[in-house]
């Protein structure tokens, strides 16, 4: 896999919700580079630990950070084209954590090409659903990640009606954002 996908992201434009230097999105980029080029089990484990401990997700605090949205397509590329099975497995585990963990207050939405202020988990889930065929080819863990992604959905407000007591009644429809042709 090319490192170009990592280099094209403006990591410094992504907010660091904790302001702690360990959670700097630039560290996520660094860890992704290390994971991409890792050749030994120790190198892969070290890179995955960097991603799991700060900036992407924080395992002990069960938090997912805004940089996870930008990192998700890169991790999905590693699942599909990674040099070694352990790199693919590490990427799958990190993506699963990103869906399961909670965003920090005030940093739970991201701007995407298909909408502004999309919930972080749903934006990550959409990336995952868009890579359905690659994940299905990765066996039970890929299928499990797809099942987790299917739990993330969005509502579209179709109609709003002002009530006599000044409250609003909204009619919403559950929608799944359009996915690529590879998905059902």
C-alpha atoms as a PDB file:
ATOM      1  CA  UNK A   1       0.000   0.000   0.000  1.00  0.00           C
ATOM      2  CA  UNK A   2       1.204   3.448  -0.811  1.00  0.00           C
ATOM      3  CA  UNK A   3       1.873   5.978   1.891  1.00  0.00           C
ATOM      4  CA  UNK A   4       0.354   8.637  -0.379  1.00  0.00           C
ATOM      5  CA  UNK A   5      -3.111   8.069   1.126  1.00  0.00           C
ATOM      6  CA  UNK A   6      -1.719   9.057   4.527  1.00  0.00           C
ATOM      7  CA  UNK A   7       0.228  12.015   3.196  1.00  0.00           C
ATOM      8  CA  UNK A   8      -2.734  13.522   1.343  1.00  0.00           C
ATOM      9  CA  UNK A   9      -4.727  14.023   4.583  1.00  0.00           C
ATOM     10  CA  UNK A  10      -4.357  17.403   6.283  1.00  0.00           C
ATOM     11  CA  UNK A  11      -3.887  15.910   9.742  1.00  0.00           C
ATOM     12  CA  UNK A  12      -3.135  19.289  11.327  1.00  0.00           C
ATOM     13  CA  UNK A  13      -6.640  20.499  10.369  1.00  0.00           C
ATOM     14  CA  UNK A  14      -8.283  17.729  12.419  1.00  0.00           C
ATOM     15  CA  UNK A  15      -9.166  18.798  15.953  1.00  0.00           C
ATOM     16  CA  UNK A  16      -7.470  17.293  18.971  1.00  0.00           C
ATOM     17  CA  UNK A  17     -10.310  17.256  21.519  1.00  0.00           C
ATOM     18  CA  UNK A  18      -8.112  16.625  24.547  1.00  0.00           C
ATOM     19  CA  UNK A  19      -5.348  19.061  23.599  1.00  0.00           C
ATOM     20  CA  UNK A  20      -2.921  16.466  24.934  1.00  0.00           C
ATOM     21  CA  UNK A  21       0.062  15.984  22.623  1.00  0.00           C
ATOM     22  CA  UNK A  22      -0.454  12.208  22.688  1.00  0.00           C
ATOM     23  CA  UNK A  23      -3.829  12.686  21.009  1.00  0.00           C
ATOM     24  CA  UNK A  24      -2.463  14.845  18.194  1.00  0.00           C
ATOM     25  CA  UNK A  25      -3.792  13.687  14.808  1.00  0.00           C
ATOM     26  CA  UNK A  26      -0.232  13.930  13.450  1.00  0.00           C
ATOM     27  CA  UNK A  27       0.583  10.981  15.731  1.00  0.00           C
ATOM     28  CA  UNK A  28      -2.197   9.045  14.032  1.00  0.00           C
ATOM     29  CA  UNK A  29      -0.546   9.685  10.667  1.00  0.00           C
ATOM     30  CA  UNK A  30       2.802   8.563  12.086  1.00  0.00           C
ATOM     31  CA  UNK A  31       1.295   5.381  13.540  1.00  0.00           C
ATOM     32  CA  UNK A  32      -0.488   4.609  10.258  1.00  0.00           C
ATOM     33  CA  UNK A  33       2.822   4.917   8.412  1.00  0.00           C
ATOM     34  CA  UNK A  34       4.451   2.556  10.908  1.00  0.00           C
ATOM     35  CA  UNK A  35       1.607   0.050  10.572  1.00  0.00           C
ATOM     36  CA  UNK A  36       1.727   0.216   6.780  1.00  0.00           C
ATOM     37  CA  UNK A  37       5.443  -0.592   6.568  1.00  0.00           C
ATOM     38  CA  UNK A  38       5.686  -2.930   9.563  1.00  0.00           C
ATOM     39  CA  UNK A  39       7.496  -6.183   8.824  1.00  0.00           C
ATOM     40  CA  UNK A  40       7.637  -7.899  12.211  1.00  0.00           C
ATOM     41  CA  UNK A  41       5.036  -8.793  14.781  1.00  0.00           C
ATOM     42  CA  UNK A  42       6.612  -6.323  17.212  1.00  0.00           C
ATOM     43  CA  UNK A  43       6.486  -3.464  14.699  1.00  0.00           C
ATOM     44  CA  UNK A  44       2.855  -4.221  13.872  1.00  0.00           C
ATOM     45  CA  UNK A  45       1.958  -4.454  17.559  1.00  0.00           C
ATOM     46  CA  UNK A  46       3.745  -1.204  18.379  1.00  0.00           C
ATOM     47  CA  UNK A  47       1.987   0.681  15.568  1.00  0.00           C
ATOM     48  CA  UNK A  48      -1.422  -0.741  16.487  1.00  0.00           C
ATOM     49  CA  UNK A  49      -0.798   0.153  20.139  1.00  0.00           C
ATOM     50  CA  UNK A  50      -0.017   3.733  19.165  1.00  0.00           C
ATOM     51  CA  UNK A  51      -3.320   3.943  17.307  1.00  0.00           C
ATOM     52  CA  UNK A  52      -5.225   2.230  20.128  1.00  0.00           C
ATOM     53  CA  UNK A  53      -3.751   4.438  22.817  1.00  0.00           C
ATOM     54  CA  UNK A  54      -4.081   7.943  21.450  1.00  0.00           C
ATOM     55  CA  UNK A  55      -5.363  10.097  18.625  1.00  0.00           C
ATOM     56  CA  UNK A  56      -7.348   7.397  16.820  1.00  0.00           C
ATOM     57  CA  UNK A  57      -9.003   5.689  19.775  1.00  0.00           C
ATOM     58  CA  UNK A  58      -8.144   5.558  23.435  1.00  0.00           C
ATOM     59  CA  UNK A  59      -8.807   2.069  24.714  1.00  0.00           C
ATOM     60  CA  UNK A  60      -8.629   2.741  28.435  1.00  0.00           C
ATOM     61  CA  UNK A  61     -11.038   5.701  28.139  1.00  0.00           C
ATOM     62  CA  UNK A  62     -13.195   4.025  25.452  1.00  0.00           C
ATOM     63  CA  UNK A  63     -12.994   7.163  23.264  1.00  0.00           C
ATOM     64  CA  UNK A  64     -12.840   7.615  19.520  1.00  0.00           C
ATOM     65  CA  UNK A  65     -11.283  10.772  18.117  1.00  0.00           C
ATOM     66  CA  UNK A  66     -12.139  12.830  15.009  1.00  0.00           C
ATOM     67  CA  UNK A  67      -8.943  11.611  13.298  1.00  0.00           C
ATOM     68  CA  UNK A  68     -10.553   8.162  13.133  1.00  0.00           C
ATOM     69  CA  UNK A  69     -12.768   9.354  10.274  1.00  0.00           C
ATOM     70  CA  UNK A  70      -9.740  10.273   8.138  1.00  0.00           C
ATOM     71  CA  UNK A  71      -7.841   7.138   9.183  1.00  0.00           C
ATOM     72  CA  UNK A  72     -10.651   4.695   8.430  1.00  0.00           C
ATOM     73  CA  UNK A  73     -10.162   4.509   4.631  1.00  0.00           C
ATOM     74  CA  UNK A  74      -6.446   3.988   5.198  1.00  0.00           C
ATOM     75  CA  UNK A  75      -7.087   1.143   7.630  1.00  0.00           C
ATOM     76  CA  UNK A  76      -9.583  -0.343   5.178  1.00  0.00           C
ATOM     77  CA  UNK A  77      -6.888  -0.230   2.492  1.00  0.00           C
ATOM     78  CA  UNK A  78      -4.651  -2.150   4.874  1.00  0.00           C
ATOM     79  CA  UNK A  79      -7.372  -4.738   5.436  1.00  0.00           C
ATOM     80  CA  UNK A  80      -7.655  -5.191   1.686  1.00  0.00           C
ATOM     81  CA  UNK A  81      -4.031  -4.785   0.590  1.00  0.00           C
ATOM     82  CA  UNK A  82      -1.910  -5.073   3.739  1.00  0.00           C
ATOM     83  CA  UNK A  83       1.439  -6.876   3.408  1.00  0.00           C
ATOM     84  CA  UNK A  84       0.751  -9.395   6.175  1.00  0.00           C
ATOM     85  CA  UNK A  85      -2.248 -11.036   7.845  1.00  0.00           C
ATOM     86  CA  UNK A  86      -1.347  -9.499  11.227  1.00  0.00           C
ATOM     87  CA  UNK A  87      -1.515  -5.992   9.689  1.00  0.00           C
ATOM     88  CA  UNK A  88      -4.957  -6.780   8.307  1.00  0.00           C
ATOM     89  CA  UNK A  89      -6.091  -8.164  11.667  1.00  0.00           C
ATOM     90  CA  UNK A  90      -4.771  -5.132  13.537  1.00  0.00           C
ATOM     91  CA  UNK A  91      -6.603  -2.807  11.152  1.00  0.00           C
ATOM     92  CA  UNK A  92      -9.859  -4.754  11.611  1.00  0.00           C
ATOM     93  CA  UNK A  93      -9.559  -4.581  15.390  1.00  0.00           C
ATOM     94  CA  UNK A  94      -8.913  -0.837  15.331  1.00  0.00           C
ATOM     95  CA  UNK A  95     -11.898  -0.246  13.057  1.00  0.00           C
ATOM     96  CA  UNK A  96     -14.107  -2.275  15.363  1.00  0.00           C
ATOM     97  CA  UNK A  97     -12.965  -0.137  18.298  1.00  0.00           C
ATOM     98  CA  UNK A  98     -13.711   3.043  16.359  1.00  0.00           C
ATOM     99  CA  UNK A  99     -17.314   1.931  15.925  1.00  0.00           C
ATOM    100  CA  UNK A 100     -17.720   0.768  19.517  1.00  0.00           C
ATOM    101  CA  UNK A 101     -16.085   3.646  21.387  1.00  0.00           C
ATOM    102  CA  UNK A 102     -17.595   7.001  22.285  1.00  0.00           C
ATOM    103  CA  UNK A 103     -16.571  10.368  20.836  1.00  0.00           C
ATOM    104  CA  UNK A 104     -15.483  13.157  23.107  1.00  0.00           C
ATOM    105  CA  UNK A 105     -17.984  15.867  23.972  1.00  0.00           C
ATOM    106  CA  UNK A 106     -18.205  18.505  21.273  1.00  0.00           C
ATOM    107  CA  UNK A 107     -16.310  16.342  18.784  1.00  0.00           C
ATOM    108  CA  UNK A 108     -18.916  13.772  17.856  1.00  0.00           C
ATOM    109  CA  UNK A 109     -19.626  15.034  14.327  1.00  0.00           C
ATOM    110  CA  UNK A 110     -17.585  15.411  11.164  1.00  0.00           C
ATOM    111  CA  UNK A 111     -18.083  17.066   7.822  1.00  0.00           C
ATOM    112  CA  UNK A 112     -18.168  14.627   4.925  1.00  0.00           C
ATOM    113  CA  UNK A 113     -18.669  14.924   1.169  1.00  0.00           C
ATOM    114  CA  UNK A 114     -22.287  13.821   1.659  1.00  0.00           C
ATOM    115  CA  UNK A 115     -23.228  15.966   4.651  1.00  0.00           C
ATOM    116  CA  UNK A 116     -22.182  18.450   7.293  1.00  0.00           C
ATOM    117  CA  UNK A 117     -22.223  17.464  10.947  1.00  0.00           C
ATOM    118  CA  UNK A 118     -22.559  13.722  10.344  1.00  0.00           C
ATOM    119  CA  UNK A 119     -22.222  11.649  13.527  1.00  0.00           C
ATOM    120  CA  UNK A 120     -18.650  10.378  13.734  1.00  0.00           C
ATOM    121  CA  UNK A 121     -19.669   6.744  14.179  1.00  0.00           C
ATOM    122  CA  UNK A 122     -22.017   6.873  11.195  1.00  0.00           C
ATOM    123  CA  UNK A 123     -19.363   8.462   8.977  1.00  0.00           C
ATOM    124  CA  UNK A 124     -16.918   5.712   9.941  1.00  0.00           C
ATOM    125  CA  UNK A 125     -19.614   3.083   9.388  1.00  0.00           C
ATOM    126  CA  UNK A 126     -20.294   4.411   5.901  1.00  0.00           C
ATOM    127  CA  UNK A 127     -16.623   4.022   4.951  1.00  0.00           C
ATOM    128  CA  UNK A 128     -16.825   0.452   6.224  1.00  0.00           C
ATOM    129  CA  UNK A 129     -20.024  -0.376   4.354  1.00  0.00           C
ATOM    130  CA  UNK A 130     -18.459   1.013   1.171  1.00  0.00           C
ATOM    131  CA  UNK A 131     -15.769  -1.692   1.395  1.00  0.00           C
ATOM    132  CA  UNK A 132     -18.186  -4.580   1.810  1.00  0.00           C
ATOM    133  CA  UNK A 133     -16.588  -6.980  -0.696  1.00  0.00           C
ATOM    134  CA  UNK A 134     -13.103  -6.544   0.773  1.00  0.00           C
ATOM    135  CA  UNK A 135     -14.409  -7.150   4.277  1.00  0.00           C
ATOM    136  CA  UNK A 136     -16.433 -10.208   3.260  1.00  0.00           C
ATOM    137  CA  UNK A 137     -13.258 -11.652   1.758  1.00  0.00           C
ATOM    138  CA  UNK A 138     -11.575 -11.264   5.153  1.00  0.00           C
ATOM    139  CA  UNK A 139     -13.732 -13.892   6.805  1.00  0.00           C
ATOM    140  CA  UNK A 140     -15.570 -13.887  10.111  1.00  0.00           C
ATOM    141  CA  UNK A 141     -13.888 -10.741  11.454  1.00  0.00           C
ATOM    142  CA  UNK A 142     -14.699  -8.785   8.324  1.00  0.00           C
ATOM    143  CA  UNK A 143     -18.313  -9.964   8.509  1.00  0.00           C
ATOM    144  CA  UNK A 144     -18.478  -8.985  12.162  1.00  0.00           C
ATOM    145  CA  UNK A 145     -17.209  -5.483  11.357  1.00  0.00           C
ATOM    146  CA  UNK A 146     -19.830  -5.121   8.622  1.00  0.00           C
ATOM    147  CA  UNK A 147     -22.532  -6.227  11.070  1.00  0.00           C
ATOM    148  CA  UNK A 148     -21.343  -3.550  13.526  1.00  0.00           C
ATOM    149  CA  UNK A 149     -21.419  -0.940  10.759  1.00  0.00           C
ATOM    150  CA  UNK A 150     -25.000  -1.864   9.890  1.00  0.00           C
ATOM    151  CA  UNK A 151     -26.054  -0.784  13.389  1.00  0.00           C
ATOM    152  CA  UNK A 152     -25.195   2.831  12.514  1.00  0.00           C
ATOM    153  CA  UNK A 153     -27.911   4.625  10.629  1.00  0.00           C
ATOM    154  CA  UNK A 154     -29.277   8.116  10.127  1.00  0.00           C
ATOM    155  CA  UNK A 155     -32.644   9.794  10.236  1.00  0.00           C
ATOM    156  CA  UNK A 156     -33.785  12.331   7.702  1.00  0.00           C
ATOM    157  CA  UNK A 157     -36.387  14.841   8.858  1.00  0.00           C
ATOM    158  CA  UNK A 158     -39.106  14.765   6.224  1.00  0.00           C
ATOM    159  CA  UNK A 159     -41.640  17.119   7.776  1.00  0.00           C
ATOM    160  CA  UNK A 160     -41.912  19.405  10.804  1.00  0.00           C
ATOM    161  CA  UNK A 161     -45.177  20.652  12.206  1.00  0.00           C
ATOM    162  CA  UNK A 162     -45.577  23.423  14.786  1.00  0.00           C
ATOM    163  CA  UNK A 163     -48.039  22.431  17.502  1.00  0.00           C
ATOM    164  CA  UNK A 164     -50.469  24.729  19.335  1.00  0.00           C
ATOM    165  CA  UNK A 165     -48.303  24.554  22.482  1.00  0.00           C
ATOM    166  CA  UNK A 166     -45.252  25.787  20.466  1.00  0.00           C
ATOM    167  CA  UNK A 167     -43.637  22.354  20.419  1.00  0.00           C
ATOM    168  CA  UNK A 168     -42.605  20.683  17.193  1.00  0.00           C
ATOM    169  CA  UNK A 169     -43.580  17.342  15.790  1.00  0.00           C
ATOM    170  CA  UNK A 170     -41.093  15.892  13.348  1.00  0.00           C
ATOM    171  CA  UNK A 171     -41.591  13.051  10.934  1.00  0.00           C
ATOM    172  CA  UNK A 172     -38.334  11.297  10.221  1.00  0.00           C
ATOM    173  CA  UNK A 173     -37.320   8.433   8.004  1.00  0.00           C
ATOM    174  CA  UNK A 174     -34.524   6.023   8.771  1.00  0.00           C
ATOM    175  CA  UNK A 175     -32.112   6.073   5.875  1.00  0.00           C
ATOM    176  CA  UNK A 176     -28.850   4.499   5.063  1.00  0.00           C
ATOM    177  CA  UNK A 177     -26.566   6.757   3.066  1.00  0.00           C
ATOM    178  CA  UNK A 178     -26.000   5.605  -0.510  1.00  0.00           C
ATOM    179  CA  UNK A 179     -23.247   3.036  -0.759  1.00  0.00           C
ATOM    180  CA  UNK A 180     -20.988   1.930  -3.556  1.00  0.00           C
ATOM    181  CA  UNK A 181     -22.063  -0.504  -6.236  1.00  0.00           C
ATOM    182  CA  UNK A 182     -20.174  -3.281  -4.428  1.00  0.00           C
ATOM    183  CA  UNK A 183     -22.655  -3.105  -1.550  1.00  0.00           C
ATOM    184  CA  UNK A 184     -26.230  -4.424  -1.582  1.00  0.00           C
END
